[in-house]
N, C-alpha and C. Protein backbone atom coordinates (compact mmCIF):
# COMPACT_ATOMS: atom_id res chain seq x y z
N MET A 1 188.61 34.22 138.92
CA MET A 1 188.10 35.38 138.24
C MET A 1 187.12 34.90 137.16
N THR A 2 185.96 35.47 137.18
CA THR A 2 184.94 35.08 136.21
C THR A 2 185.15 35.85 134.91
N PRO A 3 184.63 35.35 133.81
CA PRO A 3 184.74 36.09 132.54
C PRO A 3 184.07 37.46 132.61
N GLN A 4 182.96 37.54 133.34
CA GLN A 4 182.28 38.83 133.47
C GLN A 4 183.16 39.85 134.20
N LEU A 5 183.89 39.41 135.20
CA LEU A 5 184.79 40.30 135.93
C LEU A 5 185.93 40.77 135.04
N ALA A 6 186.47 39.86 134.22
CA ALA A 6 187.53 40.25 133.29
C ALA A 6 187.03 41.26 132.27
N VAL A 7 185.83 41.05 131.77
CA VAL A 7 185.24 42.00 130.82
C VAL A 7 185.02 43.35 131.49
N ASP A 8 184.60 43.34 132.75
CA ASP A 8 184.38 44.59 133.48
C ASP A 8 185.68 45.35 133.70
N ILE A 9 186.76 44.64 133.99
CA ILE A 9 188.06 45.28 134.19
C ILE A 9 188.54 45.92 132.88
N VAL A 10 188.40 45.21 131.78
CA VAL A 10 188.82 45.75 130.49
C VAL A 10 187.95 46.95 130.11
N ARG A 11 186.64 46.86 130.38
CA ARG A 11 185.75 47.97 130.07
C ARG A 11 186.13 49.22 130.87
N GLN A 12 186.43 49.04 132.15
CA GLN A 12 186.83 50.16 132.98
C GLN A 12 188.15 50.77 132.49
N ALA A 13 189.08 49.92 132.06
CA ALA A 13 190.37 50.42 131.55
C ALA A 13 190.17 51.22 130.27
N LEU A 14 189.32 50.71 129.39
CA LEU A 14 189.06 51.45 128.14
C LEU A 14 188.34 52.76 128.38
N MET A 15 187.40 52.77 129.31
CA MET A 15 186.70 54.01 129.62
C MET A 15 187.64 55.03 130.27
N ALA A 16 188.55 54.56 131.12
CA ALA A 16 189.53 55.47 131.71
C ALA A 16 190.43 56.06 130.62
N ALA A 17 190.82 55.25 129.65
CA ALA A 17 191.66 55.74 128.56
C ALA A 17 190.91 56.77 127.71
N VAL A 18 189.64 56.52 127.47
CA VAL A 18 188.84 57.47 126.68
C VAL A 18 188.71 58.80 127.41
N TRP A 19 188.39 58.74 128.70
CA TRP A 19 188.22 59.98 129.46
C TRP A 19 189.53 60.76 129.60
N VAL A 20 190.64 60.05 129.76
CA VAL A 20 191.93 60.74 129.92
C VAL A 20 192.38 61.37 128.61
N SER A 21 192.11 60.71 127.49
CA SER A 21 192.55 61.26 126.21
C SER A 21 191.59 62.29 125.63
N ALA A 22 190.37 62.36 126.12
CA ALA A 22 189.35 63.25 125.55
C ALA A 22 189.76 64.73 125.52
N PRO A 23 190.31 65.31 126.59
CA PRO A 23 190.65 66.74 126.50
C PRO A 23 191.66 67.06 125.40
N LEU A 24 192.65 66.20 125.22
CA LEU A 24 193.64 66.46 124.18
C LEU A 24 193.05 66.27 122.78
N LEU A 25 192.21 65.27 122.62
CA LEU A 25 191.58 65.05 121.33
C LEU A 25 190.62 66.18 120.97
N ILE A 26 189.88 66.66 121.94
CA ILE A 26 188.96 67.77 121.69
C ILE A 26 189.73 69.03 121.35
N ALA A 27 190.82 69.30 122.06
CA ALA A 27 191.63 70.48 121.76
C ALA A 27 192.21 70.39 120.35
N GLY A 28 192.70 69.23 119.98
CA GLY A 28 193.24 69.05 118.63
C GLY A 28 192.18 69.23 117.57
N PHE A 29 190.97 68.74 117.84
CA PHE A 29 189.87 68.89 116.89
C PHE A 29 189.49 70.36 116.72
N VAL A 30 189.36 71.07 117.82
CA VAL A 30 188.95 72.49 117.75
C VAL A 30 190.02 73.32 117.05
N VAL A 31 191.27 73.11 117.41
CA VAL A 31 192.35 73.86 116.76
C VAL A 31 192.44 73.49 115.28
N GLY A 32 192.26 72.23 114.96
CA GLY A 32 192.30 71.80 113.56
C GLY A 32 191.21 72.45 112.72
N ILE A 33 190.00 72.53 113.28
CA ILE A 33 188.90 73.18 112.56
C ILE A 33 189.19 74.66 112.38
N ALA A 34 189.70 75.31 113.42
CA ALA A 34 190.02 76.74 113.31
C ALA A 34 191.11 76.99 112.27
N ILE A 35 192.12 76.14 112.23
CA ILE A 35 193.20 76.30 111.26
C ILE A 35 192.67 76.05 109.84
N SER A 36 191.82 75.05 109.69
CA SER A 36 191.25 74.78 108.37
C SER A 36 190.42 75.95 107.87
N LEU A 37 189.64 76.55 108.75
CA LEU A 37 188.86 77.73 108.35
C LEU A 37 189.77 78.88 107.97
N PHE A 38 190.86 79.06 108.72
CA PHE A 38 191.82 80.11 108.40
C PHE A 38 192.46 79.86 107.04
N GLN A 39 192.81 78.62 106.77
CA GLN A 39 193.44 78.29 105.50
C GLN A 39 192.48 78.47 104.33
N VAL A 40 191.23 78.14 104.53
CA VAL A 40 190.25 78.34 103.46
C VAL A 40 190.05 79.82 103.20
N ALA A 41 190.03 80.62 104.26
CA ALA A 41 189.79 82.05 104.11
C ALA A 41 190.97 82.76 103.46
N THR A 42 192.20 82.29 103.72
CA THR A 42 193.38 82.99 103.21
C THR A 42 194.06 82.27 102.06
N SER A 43 193.64 81.07 101.71
CA SER A 43 194.26 80.24 100.67
C SER A 43 195.75 79.99 100.95
N MET A 44 196.10 79.95 102.21
CA MET A 44 197.48 79.68 102.62
C MET A 44 197.58 78.20 102.95
N GLN A 45 198.42 77.45 102.24
CA GLN A 45 198.51 76.00 102.42
C GLN A 45 199.87 75.55 102.94
N ASP A 46 200.52 76.36 103.72
CA ASP A 46 201.83 76.03 104.27
C ASP A 46 201.68 75.00 105.39
N PRO A 47 202.47 73.92 105.39
CA PRO A 47 202.36 72.92 106.46
C PRO A 47 202.70 73.46 107.84
N GLY A 48 203.55 74.45 107.90
CA GLY A 48 203.89 75.05 109.20
C GLY A 48 202.72 75.75 109.84
N VAL A 49 201.80 76.22 109.02
CA VAL A 49 200.62 76.91 109.55
C VAL A 49 199.72 75.93 110.29
N THR A 50 199.72 74.68 109.89
CA THR A 50 198.89 73.71 110.59
C THR A 50 199.60 73.07 111.77
N THR A 51 200.89 72.86 111.67
CA THR A 51 201.61 72.10 112.69
C THR A 51 201.83 72.90 113.97
N VAL A 52 202.31 74.11 113.85
CA VAL A 52 202.69 74.89 115.03
C VAL A 52 201.47 75.23 115.91
N PRO A 53 200.37 75.74 115.37
CA PRO A 53 199.23 76.03 116.25
C PRO A 53 198.61 74.77 116.87
N ARG A 54 198.59 73.68 116.11
CA ARG A 54 198.03 72.44 116.66
C ARG A 54 198.90 71.94 117.81
N LEU A 55 200.20 71.99 117.66
CA LEU A 55 201.10 71.59 118.74
C LEU A 55 200.94 72.50 119.95
N ALA A 56 200.81 73.79 119.71
CA ALA A 56 200.60 74.73 120.82
C ALA A 56 199.27 74.45 121.51
N GLY A 57 198.24 74.14 120.74
CA GLY A 57 196.95 73.80 121.35
C GLY A 57 197.03 72.55 122.21
N PHE A 58 197.75 71.54 121.72
CA PHE A 58 197.93 70.32 122.52
C PHE A 58 198.68 70.61 123.81
N LEU A 59 199.72 71.42 123.73
CA LEU A 59 200.50 71.73 124.93
C LEU A 59 199.69 72.51 125.95
N VAL A 60 198.90 73.48 125.47
CA VAL A 60 198.04 74.25 126.39
C VAL A 60 196.99 73.34 127.02
N ALA A 61 196.37 72.49 126.22
CA ALA A 61 195.37 71.56 126.75
C ALA A 61 196.00 70.60 127.75
N LEU A 62 197.20 70.14 127.46
CA LEU A 62 197.89 69.24 128.38
C LEU A 62 198.21 69.94 129.70
N ALA A 63 198.67 71.18 129.63
CA ALA A 63 198.99 71.92 130.84
C ALA A 63 197.75 72.19 131.68
N VAL A 64 196.63 72.45 131.02
CA VAL A 64 195.40 72.75 131.75
C VAL A 64 194.77 71.47 132.31
N ALA A 65 194.76 70.40 131.53
CA ALA A 65 194.03 69.19 131.91
C ALA A 65 194.89 68.17 132.66
N LEU A 66 196.18 68.38 132.76
CA LEU A 66 197.05 67.38 133.39
C LEU A 66 196.67 67.05 134.83
N PRO A 67 196.37 68.02 135.68
CA PRO A 67 195.97 67.64 137.05
C PRO A 67 194.72 66.75 137.08
N TRP A 68 193.74 67.08 136.26
CA TRP A 68 192.53 66.28 136.19
C TRP A 68 192.82 64.89 135.65
N MET A 69 193.66 64.82 134.62
CA MET A 69 194.01 63.53 134.03
C MET A 69 194.73 62.64 135.03
N LEU A 70 195.67 63.21 135.76
CA LEU A 70 196.39 62.43 136.77
C LEU A 70 195.48 61.96 137.89
N GLN A 71 194.55 62.82 138.31
CA GLN A 71 193.61 62.44 139.36
C GLN A 71 192.73 61.30 138.89
N ARG A 72 192.30 61.36 137.63
CA ARG A 72 191.45 60.31 137.07
C ARG A 72 192.21 58.97 136.99
N LEU A 73 193.45 59.02 136.54
CA LEU A 73 194.26 57.80 136.46
C LEU A 73 194.58 57.23 137.84
N MET A 74 194.85 58.11 138.79
CA MET A 74 195.15 57.64 140.15
C MET A 74 193.93 57.00 140.79
N SER A 75 192.76 57.57 140.58
CA SER A 75 191.56 56.97 141.17
C SER A 75 191.26 55.62 140.54
N TYR A 76 191.49 55.49 139.23
CA TYR A 76 191.30 54.19 138.58
C TYR A 76 192.29 53.16 139.12
N THR A 77 193.55 53.56 139.27
CA THR A 77 194.57 52.63 139.75
C THR A 77 194.31 52.21 141.19
N VAL A 78 193.92 53.15 142.03
CA VAL A 78 193.61 52.81 143.42
C VAL A 78 192.42 51.87 143.49
N ALA A 79 191.40 52.11 142.68
CA ALA A 79 190.24 51.22 142.66
C ALA A 79 190.63 49.83 142.15
N LEU A 80 191.48 49.76 141.16
CA LEU A 80 191.90 48.47 140.62
C LEU A 80 192.73 47.69 141.63
N PHE A 81 193.71 48.35 142.25
CA PHE A 81 194.55 47.66 143.23
C PHE A 81 193.81 47.39 144.53
N GLY A 82 192.80 48.17 144.84
CA GLY A 82 192.03 47.96 146.06
C GLY A 82 191.15 46.73 146.02
N ASP A 83 190.87 46.22 144.84
CA ASP A 83 189.99 45.06 144.69
C ASP A 83 190.77 43.79 144.37
N PHE A 84 192.03 43.70 144.76
CA PHE A 84 192.81 42.50 144.47
C PHE A 84 192.18 41.24 145.06
N ALA A 85 191.59 41.36 146.23
CA ALA A 85 190.99 40.18 146.88
C ALA A 85 189.85 39.64 146.02
N ARG A 86 189.12 40.53 145.39
CA ARG A 86 188.01 40.10 144.55
C ARG A 86 188.50 39.41 143.28
N TYR A 87 189.66 39.84 142.76
CA TYR A 87 190.19 39.26 141.54
C TYR A 87 190.85 37.92 141.76
N ALA A 88 191.31 37.64 142.95
CA ALA A 88 192.08 36.43 143.23
C ALA A 88 191.20 35.18 143.34
N ARG A 89 189.92 35.35 143.46
CA ARG A 89 189.04 34.20 143.60
C ARG A 89 189.01 33.35 142.38
């Protein structure tokens, strides 16, 4: 295995991790901004106001994006295991 091949494998793994985590991170960001705007408008600073909607947003995003996330991970794993002959050199 050449150093360039090892770097390519790590790069592909990191990109797969970024793409798989992106829907949840985006949902958390959007819900967080909406909650912050609500708190600024109402001057309500209760920690429960931030935690419960953010958790609900994560769960909804997970339920919606899970099939896509699993498909993305499976395609990465199949591509990685399919090239074992190339890695063994």
